[in-house]
Amino acid sequence: MITILTTQRRQTSNSFTKKTSRKKAKPSERDNSPILKRLIQELSTDNSENDISLQQNFFSTFSINVPIDFLKLYKDILDAEDTSKKMAQDLILRYFHFSKALKDQYNFF
């Protein structure tokens, strides 16, 4: 009885290893792939030219003739930080009330 089981196990394990994939690879030439060509082109171009033009566009928006209101920008930063602190405190308070309600519900049962 034991020998029959071991031979069956060997046969089933051998049958799994003998099976091959029935999918066939598509024949294609790797050199003609449009994705590969585009990737090679992007990697071979010099990105420093693009970076310089982006920096020039960014700094050209801040013209010397236009005054920058640093006081307004500073106040905006302070307001955003205050709003962030209030939101964090509100979140902590809501977690506190949630845990208190959960504790009361647990004690009820």
C-alpha atoms as a PDB file:
ATOM      1  CA  MET A   1       0.000   0.000   0.000  1.00  0.00           C
ATOM      2  CA  ILE A   2       2.824   2.384   0.860  1.00  0.00           C
ATOM      3  CA  THR A   3       4.694   1.659  -2.351  1.00  0.00           C
ATOM      4  CA  ILE A   4       1.602   2.408  -4.427  1.00  0.00           C
ATOM      5  CA  LEU A   5       1.174   5.805  -2.776  1.00  0.00           C
ATOM      6  CA  THR A   6       4.813   6.740  -3.224  1.00  0.00           C
ATOM      7  CA  THR A   7       4.805   5.750  -6.888  1.00  0.00           C
ATOM      8  CA  GLN A   8       1.620   7.769  -7.455  1.00  0.00           C
ATOM      9  CA  ARG A   9       3.208  10.784  -5.798  1.00  0.00           C
ATOM     10  CA  ARG A  10       6.295  10.426  -7.940  1.00  0.00           C
ATOM     11  CA  GLN A  11       4.196  10.165 -11.078  1.00  0.00           C
ATOM     12  CA  THR A  12       2.152  13.259 -10.251  1.00  0.00           C
ATOM     13  CA  SER A  13       5.228  15.277  -9.351  1.00  0.00           C
ATOM     14  CA  ASN A  14       6.941  14.160 -12.556  1.00  0.00           C
ATOM     15  CA  SER A  15       3.877  15.057 -14.604  1.00  0.00           C
ATOM     16  CA  PHE A  16       3.984  18.640 -13.299  1.00  0.00           C
ATOM     17  CA  THR A  17       7.614  19.062 -14.245  1.00  0.00           C
ATOM     18  CA  LYS A  18       7.104  17.629 -17.734  1.00  0.00           C
ATOM     19  CA  LYS A  19       4.394  20.131 -18.694  1.00  0.00           C
ATOM     20  CA  THR A  20       5.636  23.053 -20.696  1.00  0.00           C
ATOM     21  CA  SER A  21       4.061  26.370 -21.372  1.00  0.00           C
ATOM     22  CA  ARG A  22       1.848  26.433 -24.431  1.00  0.00           C
ATOM     23  CA  LYS A  23       2.252  30.151 -24.989  1.00  0.00           C
ATOM     24  CA  LYS A  24       4.485  31.084 -27.842  1.00  0.00           C
ATOM     25  CA  ALA A  25       6.596  34.185 -27.929  1.00  0.00           C
ATOM     26  CA  LYS A  26       5.764  36.693 -30.613  1.00  0.00           C
ATOM     27  CA  PRO A  27       8.544  36.999 -33.123  1.00  0.00           C
ATOM     28  CA  SER A  28       9.731  40.592 -33.160  1.00  0.00           C
ATOM     29  CA  GLU A  29      12.873  42.446 -33.883  1.00  0.00           C
ATOM     30  CA  ARG A  30      14.074  44.301 -30.818  1.00  0.00           C
ATOM     31  CA  ASP A  31      15.740  47.031 -32.838  1.00  0.00           C
ATOM     32  CA  ASN A  32      12.452  48.053 -34.472  1.00  0.00           C
ATOM     33  CA  SER A  33      10.495  48.559 -31.246  1.00  0.00           C
ATOM     34  CA  PRO A  34       9.103  52.126 -31.137  1.00  0.00           C
ATOM     35  CA  ILE A  35       9.163  52.154 -27.349  1.00  0.00           C
ATOM     36  CA  LEU A  36      12.801  51.142 -27.290  1.00  0.00           C
ATOM     37  CA  LYS A  37      13.699  53.774 -29.870  1.00  0.00           C
ATOM     38  CA  ARG A  38      11.910  56.498 -27.909  1.00  0.00           C
ATOM     39  CA  LEU A  39      13.591  55.433 -24.658  1.00  0.00           C
ATOM     40  CA  ILE A  40      17.032  55.456 -26.255  1.00  0.00           C
ATOM     41  CA  GLN A  41      16.353  58.880 -27.730  1.00  0.00           C
ATOM     42  CA  GLU A  42      15.212  60.309 -24.376  1.00  0.00           C
ATOM     43  CA  LEU A  43      18.199  58.870 -22.554  1.00  0.00           C
ATOM     44  CA  SER A  44      20.686  60.082 -25.141  1.00  0.00           C
ATOM     45  CA  THR A  45      19.483  63.716 -25.153  1.00  0.00           C
ATOM     46  CA  ASP A  46      21.112  66.263 -22.867  1.00  0.00           C
ATOM     47  CA  ASN A  47      18.639  67.392 -20.204  1.00  0.00           C
ATOM     48  CA  SER A  48      20.785  70.279 -18.985  1.00  0.00           C
ATOM     49  CA  GLU A  49      19.471  72.461 -21.824  1.00  0.00           C
ATOM     50  CA  ASN A  50      15.890  71.846 -20.711  1.00  0.00           C
ATOM     51  CA  ASP A  51      16.762  72.564 -17.074  1.00  0.00           C
ATOM     52  CA  ILE A  52      18.346  75.903 -17.959  1.00  0.00           C
ATOM     53  CA  SER A  53      15.332  77.004 -19.997  1.00  0.00           C
ATOM     54  CA  LEU A  54      12.976  76.021 -17.174  1.00  0.00           C
ATOM     55  CA  GLN A  55      15.029  78.040 -14.689  1.00  0.00           C
ATOM     56  CA  GLN A  56      14.996  81.055 -16.997  1.00  0.00           C
ATOM     57  CA  ASN A  57      11.216  80.819 -17.371  1.00  0.00           C
ATOM     58  CA  PHE A  58      10.766  80.533 -13.613  1.00  0.00           C
ATOM     59  CA  PHE A  59      12.933  83.535 -12.801  1.00  0.00           C
ATOM     60  CA  SER A  60      11.536  85.621 -15.646  1.00  0.00           C
ATOM     61  CA  THR A  61       8.130  85.570 -13.938  1.00  0.00           C
ATOM     62  CA  PHE A  62       9.691  87.497 -11.050  1.00  0.00           C
ATOM     63  CA  SER A  63      10.576  90.660 -12.856  1.00  0.00           C
ATOM     64  CA  ILE A  64      12.746  93.239 -11.123  1.00  0.00           C
ATOM     65  CA  ASN A  65      10.173  95.918 -11.903  1.00  0.00           C
ATOM     66  CA  VAL A  66       7.412  94.102 -10.016  1.00  0.00           C
ATOM     67  CA  PRO A  67       7.764  94.520  -6.242  1.00  0.00           C
ATOM     68  CA  ILE A  68       7.362  91.374  -4.195  1.00  0.00           C
ATOM     69  CA  ASP A  69       5.253  91.810  -1.082  1.00  0.00           C
ATOM     70  CA  PHE A  70       7.312  89.828   1.404  1.00  0.00           C
ATOM     71  CA  LEU A  71       5.101  90.905   4.292  1.00  0.00           C
ATOM     72  CA  LYS A  72       2.023  89.434   2.600  1.00  0.00           C
ATOM     73  CA  LEU A  73       3.862  86.211   1.791  1.00  0.00           C
ATOM     74  CA  TYR A  74       5.088  85.963   5.388  1.00  0.00           C
ATOM     75  CA  LYS A  75       1.556  86.515   6.732  1.00  0.00           C
ATOM     76  CA  ASP A  76       0.244  83.823   4.370  1.00  0.00           C
ATOM     77  CA  ILE A  77       2.837  81.394   5.722  1.00  0.00           C
ATOM     78  CA  LEU A  78       1.884  82.217   9.319  1.00  0.00           C
ATOM     79  CA  ASP A  79      -1.818  81.802   8.538  1.00  0.00           C
ATOM     80  CA  ALA A  80      -1.180  78.424   6.921  1.00  0.00           C
ATOM     81  CA  GLU A  81       0.852  77.270   9.928  1.00  0.00           C
ATOM     82  CA  ASP A  82      -1.884  78.431  12.335  1.00  0.00           C
ATOM     83  CA  THR A  83      -4.518  76.619  10.302  1.00  0.00           C
ATOM     84  CA  SER A  84      -2.363  73.495  10.344  1.00  0.00           C
ATOM     85  CA  LYS A  85      -1.991  73.669  14.141  1.00  0.00           C
ATOM     86  CA  LYS A  86      -5.742  74.160  14.600  1.00  0.00           C
ATOM     87  CA  MET A  87      -6.479  71.187  12.349  1.00  0.00           C
ATOM     88  CA  ALA A  88      -4.044  69.001  14.298  1.00  0.00           C
ATOM     89  CA  GLN A  89      -5.643  70.030  17.604  1.00  0.00           C
ATOM     90  CA  ASP A  90      -9.106  69.385  16.188  1.00  0.00           C
ATOM     91  CA  LEU A  91      -8.004  65.943  15.014  1.00  0.00           C
ATOM     92  CA  ILE A  92      -6.621  65.069  18.458  1.00  0.00           C
ATOM     93  CA  LEU A  93      -9.844  66.262  20.099  1.00  0.00           C
ATOM     94  CA  ARG A  94     -11.941  64.110  17.753  1.00  0.00           C
ATOM     95  CA  TYR A  95      -9.794  61.055  18.511  1.00  0.00           C
ATOM     96  CA  PHE A  96     -10.294  61.754  22.227  1.00  0.00           C
ATOM     97  CA  HIS A  97     -14.080  61.900  21.871  1.00  0.00           C
ATOM     98  CA  PHE A  98     -14.045  58.773  19.710  1.00  0.00           C
ATOM     99  CA  SER A  99     -12.031  56.813  22.266  1.00  0.00           C
ATOM    100  CA  LYS A 100     -14.292  58.046  25.085  1.00  0.00           C
ATOM    101  CA  ALA A 101     -17.420  56.946  23.194  1.00  0.00           C
ATOM    102  CA  LEU A 102     -15.801  53.607  22.382  1.00  0.00           C
ATOM    103  CA  LYS A 103     -14.902  53.095  26.043  1.00  0.00           C
ATOM    104  CA  ASP A 104     -18.470  53.957  27.125  1.00  0.00           C
ATOM    105  CA  GLN A 105     -19.866  51.520  24.559  1.00  0.00           C
ATOM    106  CA  TYR A 106     -17.496  48.798  25.784  1.00  0.00           C
ATOM    107  CA  ASN A 107     -18.481  49.402  29.425  1.00  0.00           C
ATOM    108  CA  PHE A 108     -22.166  49.262  28.483  1.00  0.00           C
ATOM    109  CA  PHE A 109     -21.854  45.622  27.443  1.00  0.00           C
END
